[in-house]
Amino acid sequence: MIYNSYKLPLKMLEIPKMAQNDLTQLIEKYSITDSVYQTEIPSLRLIKMLSANIKMPTIYNPSLCIIAQGEKSVSLGAEAFSYGPSQYLVVSVDLPIIGQITKTSIEKPYLSLQIDIDPHQIGDLVSQATLKPSANTCRGLFVGNTDNAMADSVLRLVKLLETPADIPVLAPLALREIYYRLLNSPYGNEIAQLTLNGSNIQRISSVIQLLKENFTKQIRIEDMAATAKMSLSSFHNHFKSITAMSPLQYQKRLRLTEARRIMLVNDTDAASAAYSVGYESTSQFSREYARMFGAPPMKDINTIKGKPLEQMALAE
């Protein structure tokens, strides 16, 4: 299933050209070609890519991603989400996602930014409202349209790179405004649910954290459901509603994604990577790896190593 918010009339997607141009110029100025660049603002990263890259699985932390130039597609389970300039992607819980830059060139490189979402600050803002836990369970990922207020607040944050001395004092204020704009967006209630005690997404988020911290171990479904304080059937349904996969599929993706990273970064062989992420059988690891990535471990790694490792990163 393809989710693509381009169906909206173009004029509804546009933000002031001056703000768009300023953001594009700033990312171009402060990013590094074919790289994900960590800025002096700890929660802000800039991305600049000159060529479309292969589909690359990675684990997204809760974050807001905005494209200034170019286009990208991300897949969650069997669902695909496409977005481009004047749009944003929000990931509200840790998710194993496959991303691919689909539009870029030397003349107009792919330029984007990623801002970490701080649940504590979101929770502080939510506490000032009268929101209650929702019985509805939504996906942990969605694409929205960047309005003028959101664009202005993001631009103010990025502009602080021009005056580094102001970052310690003004960056937290700019980030708080961005979170406020998110909470007032059409998806604000979904974001707020992450911080509300008793909400389904917060309960599932606690299980996701358990899986991330113990992905090399076998965790029983019953223990996951107990952590979420749900019945087995309710837990399974809510987990799949948020992540588009079952808990076991989620854990498998965590393991395989980490194994791929280990082989790429540490130049480790497939057997060592398999054991390090919790597999007891290298043959099972190879089968599941090939099923997920389209090729056996070492063939896949050798194909990727024809590109700079920086191009493999798909943080927005």
Protein backbone atom coordinates (compact mmCIF):
# COMPACT_ATOMS: atom_id res chain seq x y z
CA MET A 1 0.00 0.00 0.00
CA ILE A 2 1.37 3.42 -0.94
CA TYR A 3 0.73 6.46 1.23
CA ASN A 4 1.52 9.69 -0.63
CA SER A 5 0.29 13.08 0.49
CA TYR A 6 1.06 14.59 -2.92
CA LYS A 7 -2.64 14.05 -3.62
CA LEU A 8 -3.32 17.42 -1.99
CA PRO A 9 -3.45 20.46 -4.32
CA LEU A 10 0.05 21.88 -4.85
CA LYS A 11 -0.85 25.29 -3.45
CA MET A 12 -1.69 23.65 -0.12
CA LEU A 13 1.81 22.21 0.07
CA GLU A 14 3.74 25.38 -0.65
CA ILE A 15 5.51 27.41 2.00
CA PRO A 16 6.94 30.87 1.35
CA LYS A 17 9.71 30.62 -1.24
CA MET A 18 11.96 32.85 0.85
CA ALA A 19 11.80 30.45 3.81
CA GLN A 20 12.28 27.45 1.52
CA ASN A 21 15.27 29.06 -0.20
CA ASP A 22 16.83 30.10 3.11
CA LEU A 23 16.51 26.59 4.50
CA THR A 24 17.98 25.10 1.32
CA GLN A 25 20.95 27.48 1.42
CA LEU A 26 21.64 26.84 5.09
CA ILE A 27 21.60 23.05 4.69
CA GLU A 28 23.85 23.38 1.64
CA LYS A 29 26.23 25.60 3.61
CA TYR A 30 26.47 23.58 6.81
CA SER A 31 26.21 20.00 5.52
CA ILE A 32 28.88 17.74 4.07
CA THR A 33 28.41 16.16 0.64
CA ASP A 34 27.16 12.57 0.72
CA SER A 35 26.95 12.54 4.46
CA VAL A 36 24.71 12.81 7.51
CA TYR A 37 26.22 15.73 9.41
CA GLN A 38 25.80 16.17 13.15
CA THR A 39 25.55 19.91 13.77
CA GLU A 40 26.54 21.88 16.86
CA ILE A 41 22.90 21.60 17.90
CA PRO A 42 22.83 18.07 19.42
CA SER A 43 19.32 17.21 18.22
CA LEU A 44 19.81 18.50 14.65
CA ARG A 45 21.40 16.63 11.74
CA LEU A 46 21.75 17.77 8.12
CA ILE A 47 21.83 15.47 5.10
CA LYS A 48 23.20 16.17 1.61
CA MET A 49 23.25 13.48 -1.08
CA LEU A 50 24.20 13.92 -4.75
CA SER A 51 22.89 10.63 -6.10
CA ALA A 52 19.95 8.34 -5.43
CA ASN A 53 21.01 5.49 -3.18
CA ILE A 54 20.03 1.88 -2.68
CA LYS A 55 17.27 0.88 -0.29
CA MET A 56 18.85 0.84 3.13
CA PRO A 57 17.28 -0.52 6.34
CA THR A 58 17.96 1.43 9.50
CA ILE A 59 16.38 2.07 12.89
CA TYR A 60 14.69 5.46 13.14
CA ASN A 61 14.44 7.05 16.55
CA PRO A 62 11.51 9.39 17.29
CA SER A 63 12.21 12.34 15.01
CA LEU A 64 10.92 14.99 12.65
CA CYS A 65 12.37 14.89 9.12
CA ILE A 66 11.96 17.72 6.63
CA ILE A 67 13.12 17.78 3.00
CA ALA A 68 14.28 21.11 1.60
CA GLN A 69 15.19 19.75 -1.84
CA GLY A 70 14.73 16.36 -3.54
CA GLU A 71 12.44 13.45 -2.70
CA LYS A 72 12.55 10.29 -0.63
CA SER A 73 10.60 7.09 -0.07
CA VAL A 74 10.52 5.12 3.16
CA SER A 75 8.98 1.70 3.75
CA LEU A 76 7.51 0.33 6.95
CA GLY A 77 6.58 -3.30 6.56
CA ALA A 78 4.58 -3.53 3.32
CA GLU A 79 3.67 0.17 3.34
CA ALA A 80 5.55 2.91 1.47
CA PHE A 81 5.52 6.64 2.23
CA SER A 82 6.83 9.22 -0.26
CA TYR A 83 7.56 12.84 0.57
CA GLY A 84 9.37 15.88 -0.77
CA PRO A 85 9.81 19.64 -0.23
CA SER A 86 7.25 21.36 1.97
CA GLN A 87 6.44 18.07 3.66
CA TYR A 88 7.63 16.37 6.79
CA LEU A 89 7.88 12.82 8.07
CA VAL A 90 7.40 12.06 11.76
CA VAL A 91 8.47 8.85 13.47
CA SER A 92 6.90 8.69 16.92
CA VAL A 93 8.46 5.42 18.16
CA ASP A 94 11.64 3.51 17.29
CA LEU A 95 10.96 1.77 13.98
CA PRO A 96 12.97 -0.40 11.57
CA ILE A 97 12.49 1.42 8.26
CA ILE A 98 13.84 1.04 4.75
CA GLY A 99 14.62 4.38 3.09
CA GLN A 100 15.68 5.44 -0.38
CA ILE A 101 16.43 8.86 -1.85
CA THR A 102 14.50 8.94 -5.11
CA LYS A 103 15.18 12.42 -6.51
CA THR A 104 18.52 14.21 -6.43
CA SER A 105 21.25 15.44 -8.78
CA ILE A 106 24.61 17.19 -8.76
CA GLU A 107 22.88 20.45 -9.71
CA LYS A 108 20.12 20.02 -7.11
CA PRO A 109 21.29 17.61 -4.42
CA TYR A 110 18.99 16.00 -1.91
CA LEU A 111 18.93 18.28 1.14
CA SER A 112 17.09 17.48 4.35
CA LEU A 113 17.26 17.72 8.11
CA GLN A 114 16.36 15.51 11.03
CA ILE A 115 15.33 16.79 14.46
CA ASP A 116 15.13 14.42 17.42
CA ILE A 117 11.82 14.40 19.26
CA ASP A 118 12.24 14.70 23.03
CA PRO A 119 9.31 12.89 24.72
CA HIS A 120 9.93 14.77 27.97
CA GLN A 121 9.46 18.17 26.32
CA ILE A 122 6.45 16.87 24.41
CA GLY A 123 5.04 15.62 27.70
CA ASP A 124 5.60 18.98 29.35
CA LEU A 125 3.66 20.72 26.59
CA VAL A 126 0.91 18.11 26.67
CA SER A 127 0.53 18.53 30.43
CA GLN A 128 -0.59 22.09 29.79
CA ALA A 129 -3.45 20.84 27.63
CA THR A 130 -6.48 18.71 28.50
CA LEU A 131 -5.66 15.68 26.36
CA LYS A 132 -6.61 12.17 27.45
CA PRO A 133 -5.32 8.76 26.35
CA SER A 134 -6.98 7.69 23.11
CA ALA A 135 -8.52 4.26 22.55
CA ASN A 136 -7.40 4.48 18.92
CA THR A 137 -4.05 3.09 17.81
CA CYS A 138 -2.29 4.65 14.83
CA ARG A 139 0.88 4.03 12.86
CA GLY A 140 4.10 5.21 14.44
CA LEU A 141 5.02 6.98 11.20
CA PHE A 142 3.21 9.53 9.06
CA VAL A 143 3.75 12.25 6.45
CA GLY A 144 2.31 15.76 6.83
CA ASN A 145 2.45 19.13 5.12
CA THR A 146 4.76 21.85 6.45
CA ASP A 147 2.76 25.02 7.11
CA ASN A 148 4.17 28.54 7.47
CA ALA A 149 4.42 28.40 11.26
CA MET A 150 6.30 25.09 11.20
CA ALA A 151 8.64 26.30 8.43
CA ASP A 152 9.44 29.51 10.33
CA SER A 153 10.20 27.69 13.58
CA VAL A 154 12.47 25.14 11.86
CA LEU A 155 14.26 27.91 9.96
CA ARG A 156 14.95 29.78 13.22
CA LEU A 157 16.54 26.66 14.67
CA VAL A 158 18.79 26.06 11.65
CA LYS A 159 19.76 29.76 11.51
CA LEU A 160 21.34 29.37 14.93
CA LEU A 161 24.20 27.59 13.15
CA GLU A 162 25.18 31.07 11.96
CA THR A 163 25.62 32.24 15.55
CA PRO A 164 27.00 29.29 17.58
CA ALA A 165 27.24 31.34 20.77
CA ASP A 166 23.44 31.60 20.81
CA ILE A 167 22.84 27.85 20.55
CA PRO A 168 22.93 26.91 24.28
CA VAL A 169 20.27 29.49 25.16
CA LEU A 170 18.12 29.77 22.04
CA ALA A 171 18.15 26.23 20.59
CA PRO A 172 16.00 24.79 23.44
CA LEU A 173 13.47 27.58 22.87
CA ALA A 174 13.40 26.97 19.13
CA LEU A 175 12.98 23.22 19.66
CA ARG A 176 10.14 23.78 22.10
CA GLU A 177 8.33 25.89 19.50
CA ILE A 178 8.82 23.15 16.89
CA TYR A 179 7.32 20.58 19.26
CA TYR A 180 4.44 22.97 19.92
CA ARG A 181 3.82 23.31 16.17
CA LEU A 182 3.83 19.53 15.83
CA LEU A 183 1.28 19.17 18.61
CA ASN A 184 -0.92 21.70 16.83
CA SER A 185 -0.64 19.91 13.48
CA PRO A 186 -3.29 17.49 12.16
CA TYR A 187 -1.23 14.68 13.74
CA GLY A 188 -0.79 16.41 17.09
CA ASN A 189 -3.02 14.03 19.02
CA GLU A 190 -1.07 11.03 17.74
CA ILE A 191 2.21 12.60 18.88
CA ALA A 192 0.72 13.53 22.26
CA GLN A 193 -0.37 9.93 22.92
CA LEU A 194 3.28 8.92 23.23
CA THR A 195 3.52 10.82 26.52
CA LEU A 196 0.11 10.07 28.03
CA ASN A 197 0.09 7.41 30.74
CA GLY A 198 -2.09 4.50 29.72
CA SER A 199 -2.18 5.27 25.99
CA ASN A 200 -1.72 2.31 23.66
CA ILE A 201 1.27 3.84 21.92
CA GLN A 202 3.05 4.50 25.22
CA ARG A 203 2.47 0.91 26.31
CA ILE A 204 3.79 -0.46 23.02
CA SER A 205 6.70 1.98 23.20
CA SER A 206 7.75 0.42 26.50
CA VAL A 207 7.88 -2.99 24.80
CA ILE A 208 9.87 -1.56 21.88
CA GLN A 209 12.40 -0.22 24.38
CA LEU A 210 12.59 -3.66 25.99
CA LEU A 211 13.25 -5.26 22.58
CA LYS A 212 15.91 -2.67 21.68
CA GLU A 213 17.78 -3.20 24.94
CA ASN A 214 17.55 -7.01 24.70
CA PHE A 215 17.41 -7.75 20.98
CA THR A 216 20.04 -10.51 21.29
CA LYS A 217 17.82 -12.43 23.75
CA GLN A 218 14.72 -14.53 23.32
CA ILE A 219 11.80 -12.68 24.92
CA ARG A 220 8.49 -14.48 25.30
CA ILE A 221 5.39 -12.88 23.84
CA GLU A 222 3.74 -13.34 27.23
CA ASP A 223 6.45 -11.19 28.84
CA MET A 224 6.03 -8.51 26.18
CA ALA A 225 2.27 -8.43 26.76
CA ALA A 226 2.84 -8.20 30.51
CA THR A 227 5.18 -5.25 30.00
CA ALA A 228 2.47 -3.54 27.96
CA LYS A 229 -0.17 -4.52 30.53
CA MET A 230 -2.32 -5.99 27.76
CA SER A 231 -3.84 -9.35 26.93
CA LEU A 232 -1.96 -11.40 24.32
CA SER A 233 -4.46 -10.71 21.54
CA SER A 234 -4.76 -7.00 22.38
CA PHE A 235 -0.97 -6.60 22.58
CA HIS A 236 -0.40 -8.28 19.23
CA ASN A 237 -3.06 -6.16 17.51
CA HIS A 238 -1.82 -2.85 18.93
CA PHE A 239 1.83 -3.67 18.26
CA LYS A 240 1.10 -4.44 14.63
CA SER A 241 -1.10 -1.34 14.27
CA ILE A 242 1.79 0.88 15.37
CA THR A 243 4.76 -0.87 13.74
CA ALA A 244 3.12 -2.65 10.75
CA MET A 245 4.75 -5.91 11.87
CA SER A 246 4.48 -8.53 14.59
CA PRO A 247 6.73 -8.38 17.68
CA LEU A 248 8.83 -11.29 16.39
CA GLN A 249 9.21 -9.66 12.97
CA TYR A 250 10.24 -6.43 14.71
CA GLN A 251 12.91 -8.20 16.75
CA LYS A 252 14.19 -10.01 13.65
CA ARG A 253 14.55 -6.70 11.79
CA LEU A 254 16.44 -5.23 14.74
CA ARG A 255 18.87 -8.13 14.71
CA LEU A 256 19.41 -8.21 10.96
CA THR A 257 19.82 -4.44 10.68
CA GLU A 258 22.39 -4.44 13.49
CA ALA A 259 24.21 -7.41 11.94
CA ARG A 260 24.46 -5.56 8.63
CA ARG A 261 25.82 -2.48 10.39
CA ILE A 262 28.42 -4.59 12.21
CA MET A 263 29.62 -6.20 8.97
CA LEU A 264 29.84 -2.84 7.21
CA VAL A 265 31.54 -0.84 9.94
CA ASN A 266 33.69 -3.49 11.63
CA ASP A 267 34.49 -5.58 8.55
CA THR A 268 33.18 -8.64 10.39
CA ASP A 269 32.34 -11.97 8.74
CA ALA A 270 28.75 -13.20 8.57
CA ALA A 271 29.11 -15.90 11.24
CA SER A 272 30.56 -13.49 13.83
CA ALA A 273 27.86 -10.91 13.09
CA ALA A 274 25.16 -13.56 13.40
CA TYR A 275 26.32 -14.72 16.84
CA SER A 276 26.79 -11.14 18.07
CA VAL A 277 23.11 -10.33 17.47
CA GLY A 278 21.74 -13.50 19.02
CA TYR A 279 21.54 -16.07 16.20
CA GLU A 280 22.60 -19.60 17.11
CA SER A 281 22.46 -20.90 13.52
CA THR A 282 24.48 -19.21 10.76
CA SER A 283 22.39 -20.96 8.10
CA GLN A 284 19.18 -19.53 9.57
CA PHE A 285 20.84 -16.12 9.75
CA SER A 286 21.87 -16.30 6.09
CA ARG A 287 18.38 -17.35 4.98
CA GLU A 288 16.63 -14.58 6.91
CA TYR A 289 19.24 -12.03 5.88
CA ALA A 290 18.81 -12.86 2.18
CA ARG A 291 15.03 -12.73 2.55
CA MET A 292 15.20 -9.24 4.05
CA PHE A 293 18.05 -7.69 2.02
CA GLY A 294 17.71 -9.58 -1.25
CA ALA A 295 21.15 -11.26 -1.17
CA PRO A 296 23.28 -13.44 1.14
CA PRO A 297 25.27 -11.51 3.77
CA MET A 298 28.71 -11.23 2.18
CA LYS A 299 27.39 -10.68 -1.34
CA ASP A 300 25.19 -7.88 -0.01
CA ILE A 301 28.06 -6.30 1.94
CA ASN A 302 30.48 -6.49 -1.00
CA THR A 303 27.89 -4.79 -3.21
CA ILE A 304 27.41 -1.98 -0.69
CA LYS A 305 31.13 -1.44 -0.17
CA GLY A 306 31.34 -0.08 -3.70
CA LYS A 307 29.82 3.11 -2.20
CA PRO A 308 31.10 5.45 0.55
CA LEU A 309 29.74 4.36 3.92
CA GLU A 310 28.30 7.84 4.46
CA GLN A 311 25.87 7.19 1.62
CA MET A 312 24.54 4.18 3.45
CA ALA A 313 23.13 6.33 6.26
CA LEU A 314 19.46 7.11 5.84
CA ALA A 315 18.73 9.36 8.72
CA GLU A 316 16.62 12.11 7.27
